[in-house]
Amino acid sequence: MNYYTEEELKRNLQFNEREVTVPLPNSIFEMLATNEKLLEAKAPHTAVAYTYIFIVTWLYRFAKYGTLEHEECDVKAIKKILGYSSITKDLDYIVKKNGVLEQIGLIKTVSFKQAPISWHWDKENNVFDGFTTYDEEQSERFPEDIQWLKDRGIIETTIRNKKIKYPIFAVDDLEEEVYGTFWNPDNTHMIPFKVFLKCMTNEKLGCTAFMIYGYLHSRCGMNGGSIGVSIETISARTGIRESSRDRALDALKKYNLIKCHAEDFIVGKGDLETPANTYETVVNANLFNDEPQYYRNRTVMSLEQYEKHQEVIEAFNNSPL
């Protein structure tokens, strides 16, 4: 796999500090982790699908189709952003027209004429106020002006052949009084874009770490800022297998994208119930580590050692002040 540097990726996407987050539905994890086609791969593609959804939603939300060349944000370009070769066919079953993500109903392929080329903010009410699409902009021009621009190559005559990905869940009214996530962020999670930049420019992180971060971030948001969850549950909710999960969690901790309060691991504990690890996600990019750093791992002890340890704690708690 080939990865951009962070500065290269920022430059390629023309990132600026206003383009911070996009809301993804919390239900997306179940939709991906239970999809049989995504789980068939030797290394399940749930994390790739999740990360792809994130970037095409970001491109749409911040109207990047109005500032980037089409070749800088088409499917081939996104494959490279995710760390894959632009010509790989391995992901096509996920991202193509009528592929897995379209079958699930998360996105659809539409004409570039429907692409947002600028987005608007209602300053008075401090809310997002929609888009101007390519077609809407062209409809305001005089026909002779359009022809003049075409003759000089400013407007492409082949635009009808170009396509973009439309994030259905983010834009459409899904049911009565429930609007797309761009307008209704209830039951969503919003990953800072700098987390995406960090994961997509570090081969130790990548899509797997990005999805695990997203899952933990969504659950922290639902539970007051932290979440106690077992590693088995993380795999079950993301579809990421044990070895990939453990490598990603290790990297997320080393680069300080997550903090983990690790509970003791009890060898031979049998039916003894012990607390799950507690996680917090780090959102301030200034706190991320540029190089992997040591973190405190869990303590491994025997059941006998654990019981003696608990006796000491109980005795201390019951002692008079």
C-alpha atoms as a PDB file:
ATOM      1  CA  MET A   1       0.000   0.000   0.000  1.00  0.00           C
ATOM      2  CA  ASN A   2       1.124   3.557  -0.739  1.00  0.00           C
ATOM      3  CA  TYR A   3       0.330   6.493   1.502  1.00  0.00           C
ATOM      4  CA  TYR A   4       0.462  10.240   0.955  1.00  0.00           C
ATOM      5  CA  THR A   5       2.187  12.458   3.473  1.00  0.00           C
ATOM      6  CA  GLU A   6      -0.195  14.601   5.507  1.00  0.00           C
ATOM      7  CA  GLU A   7       0.857  17.768   3.678  1.00  0.00           C
ATOM      8  CA  GLU A   8       0.382  16.086   0.296  1.00  0.00           C
ATOM      9  CA  LEU A   9      -3.106  14.931   1.204  1.00  0.00           C
ATOM     10  CA  LYS A  10      -4.108  18.326   2.562  1.00  0.00           C
ATOM     11  CA  ARG A  11      -2.870  19.949  -0.628  1.00  0.00           C
ATOM     12  CA  ASN A  12      -4.543  17.398  -2.906  1.00  0.00           C
ATOM     13  CA  LEU A  13      -7.885  17.884  -1.159  1.00  0.00           C
ATOM     14  CA  GLN A  14      -7.437  21.660  -0.738  1.00  0.00           C
ATOM     15  CA  PHE A  15      -8.287  21.237   2.926  1.00  0.00           C
ATOM     16  CA  ASN A  16      -8.994  24.291   5.048  1.00  0.00           C
ATOM     17  CA  GLU A  17      -9.886  24.702   8.701  1.00  0.00           C
ATOM     18  CA  ARG A  18     -13.600  25.336   8.003  1.00  0.00           C
ATOM     19  CA  GLU A  19     -13.973  21.817   6.608  1.00  0.00           C
ATOM     20  CA  VAL A  20     -13.885  20.081   9.942  1.00  0.00           C
ATOM     21  CA  THR A  21     -16.491  17.333  10.343  1.00  0.00           C
ATOM     22  CA  VAL A  22     -19.314  15.478   8.635  1.00  0.00           C
ATOM     23  CA  PRO A  23     -22.087  13.648  10.529  1.00  0.00           C
ATOM     24  CA  LEU A  24     -22.356   9.907   9.878  1.00  0.00           C
ATOM     25  CA  PRO A  25     -25.261   7.854  11.288  1.00  0.00           C
ATOM     26  CA  ASN A  26     -24.442   5.721  14.325  1.00  0.00           C
ATOM     27  CA  SER A  27     -26.301   2.857  12.659  1.00  0.00           C
ATOM     28  CA  ILE A  28     -23.697   2.627   9.894  1.00  0.00           C
ATOM     29  CA  PHE A  29     -21.567   0.161  11.863  1.00  0.00           C
ATOM     30  CA  GLU A  30     -24.304  -2.448  12.067  1.00  0.00           C
ATOM     31  CA  MET A  31     -25.109  -1.961   8.374  1.00  0.00           C
ATOM     32  CA  LEU A  32     -21.510  -2.675   7.375  1.00  0.00           C
ATOM     33  CA  ALA A  33     -20.556  -5.274  10.000  1.00  0.00           C
ATOM     34  CA  THR A  34     -23.510  -7.519   9.098  1.00  0.00           C
ATOM     35  CA  ASN A  35     -23.051  -7.341   5.329  1.00  0.00           C
ATOM     36  CA  GLU A  36     -22.078 -10.794   4.098  1.00  0.00           C
ATOM     37  CA  LYS A  37     -20.287  -9.556   0.979  1.00  0.00           C
ATOM     38  CA  LEU A  38     -17.992  -7.257   2.952  1.00  0.00           C
ATOM     39  CA  LEU A  39     -17.186 -10.082   5.370  1.00  0.00           C
ATOM     40  CA  GLU A  40     -16.299 -12.584   2.639  1.00  0.00           C
ATOM     41  CA  ALA A  41     -12.875 -11.064   1.962  1.00  0.00           C
ATOM     42  CA  LYS A  42      -9.844 -12.685   3.598  1.00  0.00           C
ATOM     43  CA  ALA A  43      -9.431  -9.400   5.465  1.00  0.00           C
ATOM     44  CA  PRO A  44     -13.003  -8.058   5.713  1.00  0.00           C
ATOM     45  CA  HIS A  45     -13.569  -4.805   3.848  1.00  0.00           C
ATOM     46  CA  THR A  46     -15.885  -3.196   6.388  1.00  0.00           C
ATOM     47  CA  ALA A  47     -13.239  -0.636   7.362  1.00  0.00           C
ATOM     48  CA  VAL A  48     -12.538   0.275   3.739  1.00  0.00           C
ATOM     49  CA  ALA A  49     -16.268   0.714   3.114  1.00  0.00           C
ATOM     50  CA  TYR A  50     -16.650   2.898   6.213  1.00  0.00           C
ATOM     51  CA  THR A  51     -13.690   5.095   5.290  1.00  0.00           C
ATOM     52  CA  TYR A  52     -14.899   5.405   1.699  1.00  0.00           C
ATOM     53  CA  ILE A  53     -18.309   6.548   2.965  1.00  0.00           C
ATOM     54  CA  PHE A  54     -16.604   9.150   5.131  1.00  0.00           C
ATOM     55  CA  ILE A  55     -14.512  10.701   2.356  1.00  0.00           C
ATOM     56  CA  VAL A  56     -17.259  10.818  -0.294  1.00  0.00           C
ATOM     57  CA  THR A  57     -19.562  12.415   2.285  1.00  0.00           C
ATOM     58  CA  TRP A  58     -16.873  14.990   3.107  1.00  0.00           C
ATOM     59  CA  LEU A  59     -16.288  15.742  -0.586  1.00  0.00           C
ATOM     60  CA  TYR A  60     -20.013  16.330  -1.038  1.00  0.00           C
ATOM     61  CA  ARG A  61     -20.574  18.338   2.135  1.00  0.00           C
ATOM     62  CA  PHE A  62     -17.807  20.820   1.375  1.00  0.00           C
ATOM     63  CA  ALA A  63     -18.580  20.986  -2.354  1.00  0.00           C
ATOM     64  CA  LYS A  64     -15.107  19.885  -3.389  1.00  0.00           C
ATOM     65  CA  TYR A  65     -16.427  19.197  -6.877  1.00  0.00           C
ATOM     66  CA  GLY A  66     -16.355  22.954  -7.414  1.00  0.00           C
ATOM     67  CA  THR A  67     -12.674  23.369  -6.507  1.00  0.00           C
ATOM     68  CA  LEU A  68     -10.972  20.077  -7.409  1.00  0.00           C
ATOM     69  CA  GLU A  69     -10.415  18.646 -10.864  1.00  0.00           C
ATOM     70  CA  HIS A  70     -12.651  15.625 -11.412  1.00  0.00           C
ATOM     71  CA  GLU A  71      -9.602  13.348 -11.578  1.00  0.00           C
ATOM     72  CA  GLU A  72      -8.620  14.524  -8.087  1.00  0.00           C
ATOM     73  CA  CYS A  73     -11.818  13.246  -6.460  1.00  0.00           C
ATOM     74  CA  ASP A  74     -13.069  10.361  -8.614  1.00  0.00           C
ATOM     75  CA  VAL A  75     -13.053   6.699  -7.576  1.00  0.00           C
ATOM     76  CA  LYS A  76      -9.447   6.163  -8.675  1.00  0.00           C
ATOM     77  CA  ALA A  77      -8.267   9.148  -6.637  1.00  0.00           C
ATOM     78  CA  ILE A  78     -10.147   7.943  -3.556  1.00  0.00           C
ATOM     79  CA  LYS A  79      -8.601   4.486  -3.841  1.00  0.00           C
ATOM     80  CA  LYS A  80      -5.164   6.133  -3.623  1.00  0.00           C
ATOM     81  CA  ILE A  81      -6.256   8.213  -0.633  1.00  0.00           C
ATOM     82  CA  LEU A  82      -7.259   5.000   1.138  1.00  0.00           C
ATOM     83  CA  GLY A  83      -3.791   3.562   0.525  1.00  0.00           C
ATOM     84  CA  TYR A  84      -4.590   1.352  -2.468  1.00  0.00           C
ATOM     85  CA  SER A  85      -3.474   1.428  -6.083  1.00  0.00           C
ATOM     86  CA  SER A  86      -5.748   3.578  -8.225  1.00  0.00           C
ATOM     87  CA  ILE A  87      -6.157   0.675 -10.670  1.00  0.00           C
ATOM     88  CA  THR A  88      -6.923  -2.072  -8.154  1.00  0.00           C
ATOM     89  CA  LYS A  89     -10.117  -3.988  -8.856  1.00  0.00           C
ATOM     90  CA  ASP A  90     -10.332  -5.410  -5.311  1.00  0.00           C
ATOM     91  CA  LEU A  91     -12.616  -2.630  -4.080  1.00  0.00           C
ATOM     92  CA  ASP A  92     -14.823  -2.230  -7.142  1.00  0.00           C
ATOM     93  CA  TYR A  93     -17.557  -4.497  -5.805  1.00  0.00           C
ATOM     94  CA  ILE A  94     -17.935  -2.050  -2.907  1.00  0.00           C
ATOM     95  CA  VAL A  95     -17.777   1.336  -4.657  1.00  0.00           C
ATOM     96  CA  LYS A  96     -19.068   0.771  -8.190  1.00  0.00           C
ATOM     97  CA  LYS A  97     -22.529   1.707  -9.396  1.00  0.00           C
ATOM     98  CA  ASN A  98     -24.947  -0.823  -7.859  1.00  0.00           C
ATOM     99  CA  GLY A  99     -22.107  -2.102  -5.655  1.00  0.00           C
ATOM    100  CA  VAL A 100     -22.421  -3.054  -2.004  1.00  0.00           C
ATOM    101  CA  LEU A 101     -22.756   0.487  -0.667  1.00  0.00           C
ATOM    102  CA  GLU A 102     -25.465   1.318  -3.187  1.00  0.00           C
ATOM    103  CA  GLN A 103     -27.296  -1.935  -2.461  1.00  0.00           C
ATOM    104  CA  ILE A 104     -27.299  -1.072   1.237  1.00  0.00           C
ATOM    105  CA  GLY A 105     -28.761   2.317   0.352  1.00  0.00           C
ATOM    106  CA  LEU A 106     -26.018   4.540   1.748  1.00  0.00           C
ATOM    107  CA  ILE A 107     -24.925   6.169  -1.512  1.00  0.00           C
ATOM    108  CA  LYS A 108     -25.866   6.325  -5.173  1.00  0.00           C
ATOM    109  CA  THR A 109     -24.081   7.248  -8.391  1.00  0.00           C
ATOM    110  CA  VAL A 110     -25.371  10.437 -10.022  1.00  0.00           C
ATOM    111  CA  SER A 111     -24.381  12.725 -12.871  1.00  0.00           C
ATOM    112  CA  PHE A 112     -21.765  15.396 -12.229  1.00  0.00           C
ATOM    113  CA  LYS A 113     -24.490  17.859 -13.188  1.00  0.00           C
ATOM    114  CA  GLN A 114     -25.929  17.231  -9.697  1.00  0.00           C
ATOM    115  CA  ALA A 115     -22.584  17.828  -7.978  1.00  0.00           C
ATOM    116  CA  PRO A 116     -22.459  20.598  -5.351  1.00  0.00           C
ATOM    117  CA  ILE A 117     -19.910  23.197  -6.425  1.00  0.00           C
ATOM    118  CA  SER A 118     -20.440  25.585  -3.512  1.00  0.00           C
ATOM    119  CA  TRP A 119     -22.008  25.366  -0.070  1.00  0.00           C
ATOM    120  CA  HIS A 120     -23.766  28.013   1.962  1.00  0.00           C
ATOM    121  CA  TRP A 121     -23.971  29.033   5.597  1.00  0.00           C
ATOM    122  CA  ASP A 122     -26.867  30.932   7.153  1.00  0.00           C
ATOM    123  CA  LYS A 123     -24.951  33.432   9.289  1.00  0.00           C
ATOM    124  CA  GLU A 124     -28.078  34.783  10.935  1.00  0.00           C
ATOM    125  CA  ASN A 125     -29.154  31.395  12.288  1.00  0.00           C
ATOM    126  CA  ASN A 126     -25.653  29.861  12.313  1.00  0.00           C
ATOM    127  CA  VAL A 127     -26.703  26.756  10.367  1.00  0.00           C
ATOM    128  CA  PHE A 128     -25.761  24.992   7.152  1.00  0.00           C
ATOM    129  CA  ASP A 129     -27.944  26.273   4.319  1.00  0.00           C
ATOM    130  CA  GLY A 130     -27.478  23.933   1.380  1.00  0.00           C
ATOM    131  CA  PHE A 131     -25.645  23.901  -1.938  1.00  0.00           C
ATOM    132  CA  THR A 132     -25.465  25.300  -5.426  1.00  0.00           C
ATOM    133  CA  THR A 133     -25.081  22.449  -7.923  1.00  0.00           C
ATOM    134  CA  TYR A 134     -23.228  22.481 -11.230  1.00  0.00           C
ATOM    135  CA  ASP A 135     -26.536  22.396 -13.123  1.00  0.00           C
ATOM    136  CA  GLU A 136     -27.964  25.279 -11.091  1.00  0.00           C
ATOM    137  CA  GLU A 137     -24.933  27.438 -11.798  1.00  0.00           C
ATOM    138  CA  GLN A 138     -25.075  26.706 -15.530  1.00  0.00           C
ATOM    139  CA  SER A 139     -28.802  27.458 -15.689  1.00  0.00           C
ATOM    140  CA  GLU A 140     -28.060  31.047 -14.653  1.00  0.00           C
ATOM    141  CA  ARG A 141     -25.739  31.640 -17.634  1.00  0.00           C
ATOM    142  CA  PHE A 142     -26.819  32.874 -21.037  1.00  0.00           C
ATOM    143  CA  PRO A 143     -26.533  30.182 -23.777  1.00  0.00           C
ATOM    144  CA  GLU A 144     -24.001  32.249 -25.731  1.00  0.00           C
ATOM    145  CA  ASP A 145     -21.842  32.554 -22.602  1.00  0.00           C
ATOM    146  CA  ILE A 146     -21.924  28.802 -22.083  1.00  0.00           C
ATOM    147  CA  GLN A 147     -20.828  28.213 -25.685  1.00  0.00           C
ATOM    148  CA  TRP A 148     -18.026  30.770 -25.301  1.00  0.00           C
ATOM    149  CA  LEU A 149     -16.779  28.960 -22.191  1.00  0.00           C
ATOM    150  CA  LYS A 150     -17.015  25.555 -23.910  1.00  0.00           C
ATOM    151  CA  ASP A 151     -15.081  26.787 -26.947  1.00  0.00           C
ATOM    152  CA  ARG A 152     -12.229  27.817 -24.642  1.00  0.00           C
ATOM    153  CA  GLY A 153     -12.256  24.610 -22.607  1.00  0.00           C
ATOM    154  CA  ILE A 154     -13.429  26.349 -19.434  1.00  0.00           C
ATOM    155  CA  ILE A 155     -16.579  24.231 -19.414  1.00  0.00           C
ATOM    156  CA  GLU A 156     -16.037  20.629 -20.429  1.00  0.00           C
ATOM    157  CA  THR A 157     -18.257  19.247 -23.160  1.00  0.00           C
ATOM    158  CA  THR A 158     -17.828  15.719 -21.736  1.00  0.00           C
ATOM    159  CA  ILE A 159     -19.356  16.581 -18.369  1.00  0.00           C
ATOM    160  CA  ARG A 160     -22.341  14.298 -19.035  1.00  0.00           C
ATOM    161  CA  ASN A 161     -20.038  11.276 -18.775  1.00  0.00           C
ATOM    162  CA  LYS A 162     -18.713  12.193 -15.330  1.00  0.00           C
ATOM    163  CA  LYS A 163     -20.234  10.809 -12.148  1.00  0.00           C
ATOM    164  CA  ILE A 164     -20.065  11.481  -8.417  1.00  0.00           C
ATOM    165  CA  LYS A 165     -21.206   9.631  -5.312  1.00  0.00           C
ATOM    166  CA  TYR A 166     -24.278  11.051  -3.590  1.00  0.00           C
ATOM    167  CA  PRO A 167     -24.564  10.330   0.187  1.00  0.00           C
ATOM    168  CA  ILE A 168     -28.258   9.488   0.499  1.00  0.00           C
ATOM    169  CA  PHE A 169     -28.338   9.406   4.306  1.00  0.00           C
ATOM    170  CA  ALA A 170     -26.755  12.861   4.523  1.00  0.00           C
ATOM    171  CA  VAL A 171     -28.877  14.752   2.012  1.00  0.00           C
ATOM    172  CA  ASP A 172     -32.285  13.128   1.610  1.00  0.00           C
ATOM    173  CA  ASP A 173     -35.301  13.185   3.897  1.00  0.00           C
ATOM    174  CA  LEU A 174     -35.292   9.585   5.060  1.00  0.00           C
ATOM    175  CA  GLU A 175     -38.793   9.651   6.470  1.00  0.00           C
ATOM    176  CA  GLU A 176     -41.358  12.162   7.626  1.00  0.00           C
ATOM    177  CA  GLU A 177     -39.701  14.875   9.742  1.00  0.00           C
ATOM    178  CA  VAL A 178     -36.352  13.063   9.703  1.00  0.00           C
ATOM    179  CA  TYR A 179     -33.925  14.931   7.483  1.00  0.00           C
ATOM    180  CA  GLY A 180     -30.499  13.982   6.193  1.00  0.00           C
ATOM    181  CA  THR A 181     -27.605  14.153   8.620  1.00  0.00           C
ATOM    182  CA  PHE A 182     -26.292  17.419   7.130  1.00  0.00           C
ATOM    183  CA  TRP A 183     -29.369  19.068   8.636  1.00  0.00           C
ATOM    184  CA  ASN A 184     -30.248  16.694  11.479  1.00  0.00           C
ATOM    185  CA  PRO A 185     -27.193  15.453  13.410  1.00  0.00           C
ATOM    186  CA  ASP A 186     -29.198  13.445  15.949  1.00  0.00           C
ATOM    187  CA  ASN A 187     -27.912   9.878  16.378  1.00  0.00           C
ATOM    188  CA  THR A 188     -24.747  10.660  14.444  1.00  0.00           C
ATOM    189  CA  HIS A 189     -21.036  10.869  15.137  1.00  0.00           C
ATOM    190  CA  MET A 190     -18.651  13.455  13.709  1.00  0.00           C
ATOM    191  CA  ILE A 191     -15.018  12.498  13.331  1.00  0.00           C
ATOM    192  CA  PRO A 192     -12.612  15.446  13.071  1.00  0.00           C
ATOM    193  CA  PHE A 193     -11.128  15.527   9.578  1.00  0.00           C
ATOM    194  CA  LYS A 194      -7.623  15.665  11.037  1.00  0.00           C
ATOM    195  CA  VAL A 195      -8.211  12.160  12.419  1.00  0.00           C
ATOM    196  CA  PHE A 196      -8.877  11.059   8.840  1.00  0.00           C
ATOM    197  CA  LEU A 197      -5.695  12.820   7.685  1.00  0.00           C
ATOM    198  CA  LYS A 198      -3.683  11.130  10.439  1.00  0.00           C
ATOM    199  CA  CYS A 199      -4.994   7.655   9.638  1.00  0.00           C
ATOM    200  CA  MET A 200      -4.738   7.961   5.845  1.00  0.00           C
ATOM    201  CA  THR A 201      -1.112   9.110   5.953  1.00  0.00           C
ATOM    202  CA  ASN A 202       0.205   6.474   8.374  1.00  0.00           C
ATOM    203  CA  GLU A 203       0.476   2.849   7.283  1.00  0.00           C
ATOM    204  CA  LYS A 204       0.287   1.740  10.931  1.00  0.00           C
ATOM    205  CA  LEU A 205      -3.220   3.228  11.135  1.00  0.00           C
ATOM    206  CA  GLY A 206      -5.094   3.243   7.824  1.00  0.00           C
ATOM    207  CA  CYS A 207      -8.743   2.317   7.281  1.00  0.00           C
ATOM    208  CA  THR A 208      -8.896  -0.275  10.065  1.00  0.00           C
ATOM    209  CA  ALA A 209      -7.791   2.169  12.758  1.00  0.00           C
ATOM    210  CA  PHE A 210     -10.064   4.839  11.292  1.00  0.00           C
ATOM    211  CA  MET A 211     -13.155   2.639  11.576  1.00  0.00           C
ATOM    212  CA  ILE A 212     -12.302   1.533  15.121  1.00  0.00           C
ATOM    213  CA  TYR A 213     -11.757   5.178  16.080  1.00  0.00           C
ATOM    214  CA  GLY A 214     -15.130   5.991  14.492  1.00  0.00           C
ATOM    215  CA  TYR A 215     -16.902   3.223  16.389  1.00  0.00           C
ATOM    216  CA  LEU A 216     -15.372   4.247  19.733  1.00  0.00           C
ATOM    217  CA  HIS A 217     -16.043   7.931  19.016  1.00  0.00           C
ATOM    218  CA  SER A 218     -19.708   7.246  18.262  1.00  0.00           C
ATOM    219  CA  ARG A 219     -20.142   5.238  21.461  1.00  0.00           C
ATOM    220  CA  CYS A 220     -18.259   7.789  23.572  1.00  0.00           C
ATOM    221  CA  GLY A 221     -20.662  10.390  22.252  1.00  0.00           C
ATOM    222  CA  MET A 222     -23.601   8.244  23.312  1.00  0.00           C
ATOM    223  CA  ASN A 223     -22.177   7.581  26.794  1.00  0.00           C
ATOM    224  CA  GLY A 224     -20.919  10.863  28.191  1.00  0.00           C
ATOM    225  CA  GLY A 225     -17.426  10.909  26.713  1.00  0.00           C
ATOM    226  CA  SER A 226     -16.071   7.421  27.429  1.00  0.00           C
ATOM    227  CA  ILE A 227     -17.128   3.838  26.844  1.00  0.00           C
ATOM    228  CA  GLY A 228     -16.351   0.543  28.554  1.00  0.00           C
ATOM    229  CA  VAL A 229     -16.257  -2.093  25.837  1.00  0.00           C
ATOM    230  CA  SER A 230     -14.566  -5.439  25.333  1.00  0.00           C
ATOM    231  CA  ILE A 231     -12.309  -6.105  22.362  1.00  0.00           C
ATOM    232  CA  GLU A 232     -14.698  -8.886  21.343  1.00  0.00           C
ATOM    233  CA  THR A 233     -17.519  -6.353  21.117  1.00  0.00           C
ATOM    234  CA  ILE A 234     -15.343  -4.014  19.031  1.00  0.00           C
ATOM    235  CA  SER A 235     -14.838  -6.815  16.511  1.00  0.00           C
ATOM    236  CA  ALA A 236     -18.509  -7.777  16.522  1.00  0.00           C
ATOM    237  CA  ARG A 237     -19.648  -4.185  15.919  1.00  0.00           C
ATOM    238  CA  THR A 238     -17.107  -3.403  13.203  1.00  0.00           C
ATOM    239  CA  GLY A 239     -16.572  -6.740  11.465  1.00  0.00           C
ATOM    240  CA  ILE A 240     -12.800  -6.358  11.960  1.00  0.00           C
ATOM    241  CA  ARG A 241     -11.022  -9.581  12.839  1.00  0.00           C
ATOM    242  CA  GLU A 242      -8.893 -10.139  15.912  1.00  0.00           C
ATOM    243  CA  SER A 243      -5.364  -9.686  14.540  1.00  0.00           C
ATOM    244  CA  SER A 244      -6.229  -6.550  12.538  1.00  0.00           C
ATOM    245  CA  ARG A 245      -8.205  -5.151  15.466  1.00  0.00           C
ATOM    246  CA  ASP A 246      -5.344  -5.604  17.928  1.00  0.00           C
ATOM    247  CA  ARG A 247      -2.782  -3.982  15.606  1.00  0.00           C
ATOM    248  CA  ALA A 248      -5.096  -1.021  15.008  1.00  0.00           C
ATOM    249  CA  LEU A 249      -5.865  -0.529  18.705  1.00  0.00           C
ATOM    250  CA  ASP A 250      -2.155  -0.664  19.496  1.00  0.00           C
ATOM    251  CA  ALA A 251      -1.410   2.010  16.879  1.00  0.00           C
ATOM    252  CA  LEU A 252      -4.304   4.225  17.967  1.00  0.00           C
ATOM    253  CA  LYS A 253      -2.901   4.192  21.509  1.00  0.00           C
ATOM    254  CA  LYS A 254       0.717   4.763  20.444  1.00  0.00           C
ATOM    255  CA  TYR A 255      -0.199   7.780  18.326  1.00  0.00           C
ATOM    256  CA  ASN A 256      -2.569   9.052  21.050  1.00  0.00           C
ATOM    257  CA  LEU A 257      -5.745   9.033  18.972  1.00  0.00           C
ATOM    258  CA  ILE A 258      -7.418   7.124  21.787  1.00  0.00           C
ATOM    259  CA  LYS A 259      -6.824   6.749  25.510  1.00  0.00           C
ATOM    260  CA  CYS A 260      -7.454   3.407  27.153  1.00  0.00           C
ATOM    261  CA  HIS A 261      -7.840   2.598  30.830  1.00  0.00           C
ATOM    262  CA  ALA A 262      -6.851  -1.059  30.666  1.00  0.00           C
ATOM    263  CA  GLU A 263      -8.330  -3.500  33.168  1.00  0.00           C
ATOM    264  CA  ASP A 264      -6.257  -6.382  34.489  1.00  0.00           C
ATOM    265  CA  PHE A 265      -6.173  -9.582  32.435  1.00  0.00           C
ATOM    266  CA  ILE A 266      -6.832 -12.610  34.634  1.00  0.00           C
ATOM    267  CA  VAL A 267      -5.364 -15.893  33.456  1.00  0.00           C
ATOM    268  CA  GLY A 268      -7.746 -18.776  34.104  1.00  0.00           C
ATOM    269  CA  LYS A 269     -10.526 -16.536  35.430  1.00  0.00           C
ATOM    270  CA  GLY A 270     -13.252 -18.975  34.339  1.00  0.00           C
ATOM    271  CA  ASP A 271     -16.702 -17.460  34.950  1.00  0.00           C
ATOM    272  CA  LEU A 272     -15.328 -14.539  36.932  1.00  0.00           C
ATOM    273  CA  GLU A 273     -16.666 -11.285  35.463  1.00  0.00           C
ATOM    274  CA  THR A 274     -14.180  -8.424  35.234  1.00  0.00           C
ATOM    275  CA  PRO A 275     -14.710  -4.908  33.858  1.00  0.00           C
ATOM    276  CA  ALA A 276     -14.050  -4.143  30.179  1.00  0.00           C
ATOM    277  CA  ASN A 277     -11.406  -1.622  29.149  1.00  0.00           C
ATOM    278  CA  THR A 278     -12.578   1.996  29.086  1.00  0.00           C
ATOM    279  CA  TYR A 279     -11.822   4.127  26.032  1.00  0.00           C
ATOM    280  CA  GLU A 280     -11.832   7.822  25.226  1.00  0.00           C
ATOM    281  CA  THR A 281     -11.203   9.297  21.782  1.00  0.00           C
ATOM    282  CA  VAL A 282      -8.827  12.232  21.380  1.00  0.00           C
ATOM    283  CA  VAL A 283     -10.207  14.979  19.110  1.00  0.00           C
ATOM    284  CA  ASN A 284      -7.516  17.655  19.460  1.00  0.00           C
ATOM    285  CA  ALA A 285      -4.977  17.021  16.696  1.00  0.00           C
ATOM    286  CA  ASN A 286      -2.340  18.934  18.654  1.00  0.00           C
ATOM    287  CA  LEU A 287      -2.298  16.017  21.105  1.00  0.00           C
ATOM    288  CA  PHE A 288      -1.612  13.346  18.484  1.00  0.00           C
ATOM    289  CA  ASN A 289       1.869  11.808  18.539  1.00  0.00           C
ATOM    290  CA  ASP A 290       4.029  12.198  15.434  1.00  0.00           C
ATOM    291  CA  GLU A 291       6.016   9.137  16.510  1.00  0.00           C
ATOM    292  CA  PRO A 292       4.722   6.059  18.359  1.00  0.00           C
ATOM    293  CA  GLN A 293       4.975   6.445  22.117  1.00  0.00           C
ATOM    294  CA  TYR A 294       4.883   3.992  25.015  1.00  0.00           C
ATOM    295  CA  TYR A 295       1.564   3.546  26.779  1.00  0.00           C
ATOM    296  CA  ARG A 296       0.668   1.621  29.906  1.00  0.00           C
ATOM    297  CA  ASN A 297      -0.625  -1.828  28.994  1.00  0.00           C
ATOM    298  CA  ARG A 298      -2.862  -4.043  31.089  1.00  0.00           C
ATOM    299  CA  THR A 299      -1.449  -6.113  33.938  1.00  0.00           C
ATOM    300  CA  VAL A 300      -1.529  -9.877  33.482  1.00  0.00           C
ATOM    301  CA  MET A 301      -2.009 -11.890  36.671  1.00  0.00           C
ATOM    302  CA  SER A 302      -3.232 -15.286  37.815  1.00  0.00           C
ATOM    303  CA  LEU A 303      -6.629 -15.763  39.395  1.00  0.00           C
ATOM    304  CA  GLU A 304      -4.924 -16.291  42.774  1.00  0.00           C
ATOM    305  CA  GLN A 305      -3.001 -13.021  42.446  1.00  0.00           C
ATOM    306  CA  TYR A 306      -6.181 -11.203  41.447  1.00  0.00           C
ATOM    307  CA  GLU A 307      -8.133 -12.519  44.440  1.00  0.00           C
ATOM    308  CA  LYS A 308      -5.353 -11.491  46.845  1.00  0.00           C
ATOM    309  CA  HIS A 309      -5.252  -8.060  45.197  1.00  0.00           C
ATOM    310  CA  GLN A 310      -9.007  -7.678  45.642  1.00  0.00           C
ATOM    311  CA  GLU A 311      -8.722  -8.686  49.308  1.00  0.00           C
ATOM    312  CA  VAL A 312      -6.166  -5.927  49.885  1.00  0.00           C
ATOM    313  CA  ILE A 313      -8.398  -3.364  48.186  1.00  0.00           C
ATOM    314  CA  GLU A 314     -11.437  -4.491  50.191  1.00  0.00           C
ATOM    315  CA  ALA A 315      -9.497  -4.339  53.458  1.00  0.00           C
ATOM    316  CA  PHE A 316      -8.295  -0.826  52.641  1.00  0.00           C
ATOM    317  CA  ASN A 317     -11.794   0.346  51.724  1.00  0.00           C
ATOM    318  CA  ASN A 318     -13.221  -1.064  54.996  1.00  0.00           C
ATOM    319  CA  SER A 319     -10.508   0.351  57.229  1.00  0.00           C
ATOM    320  CA  PRO A 320     -11.456   3.298  59.472  1.00  0.00           C
ATOM    321  CA  LEU A 321     -10.304   6.742  58.350  1.00  0.00           C
END
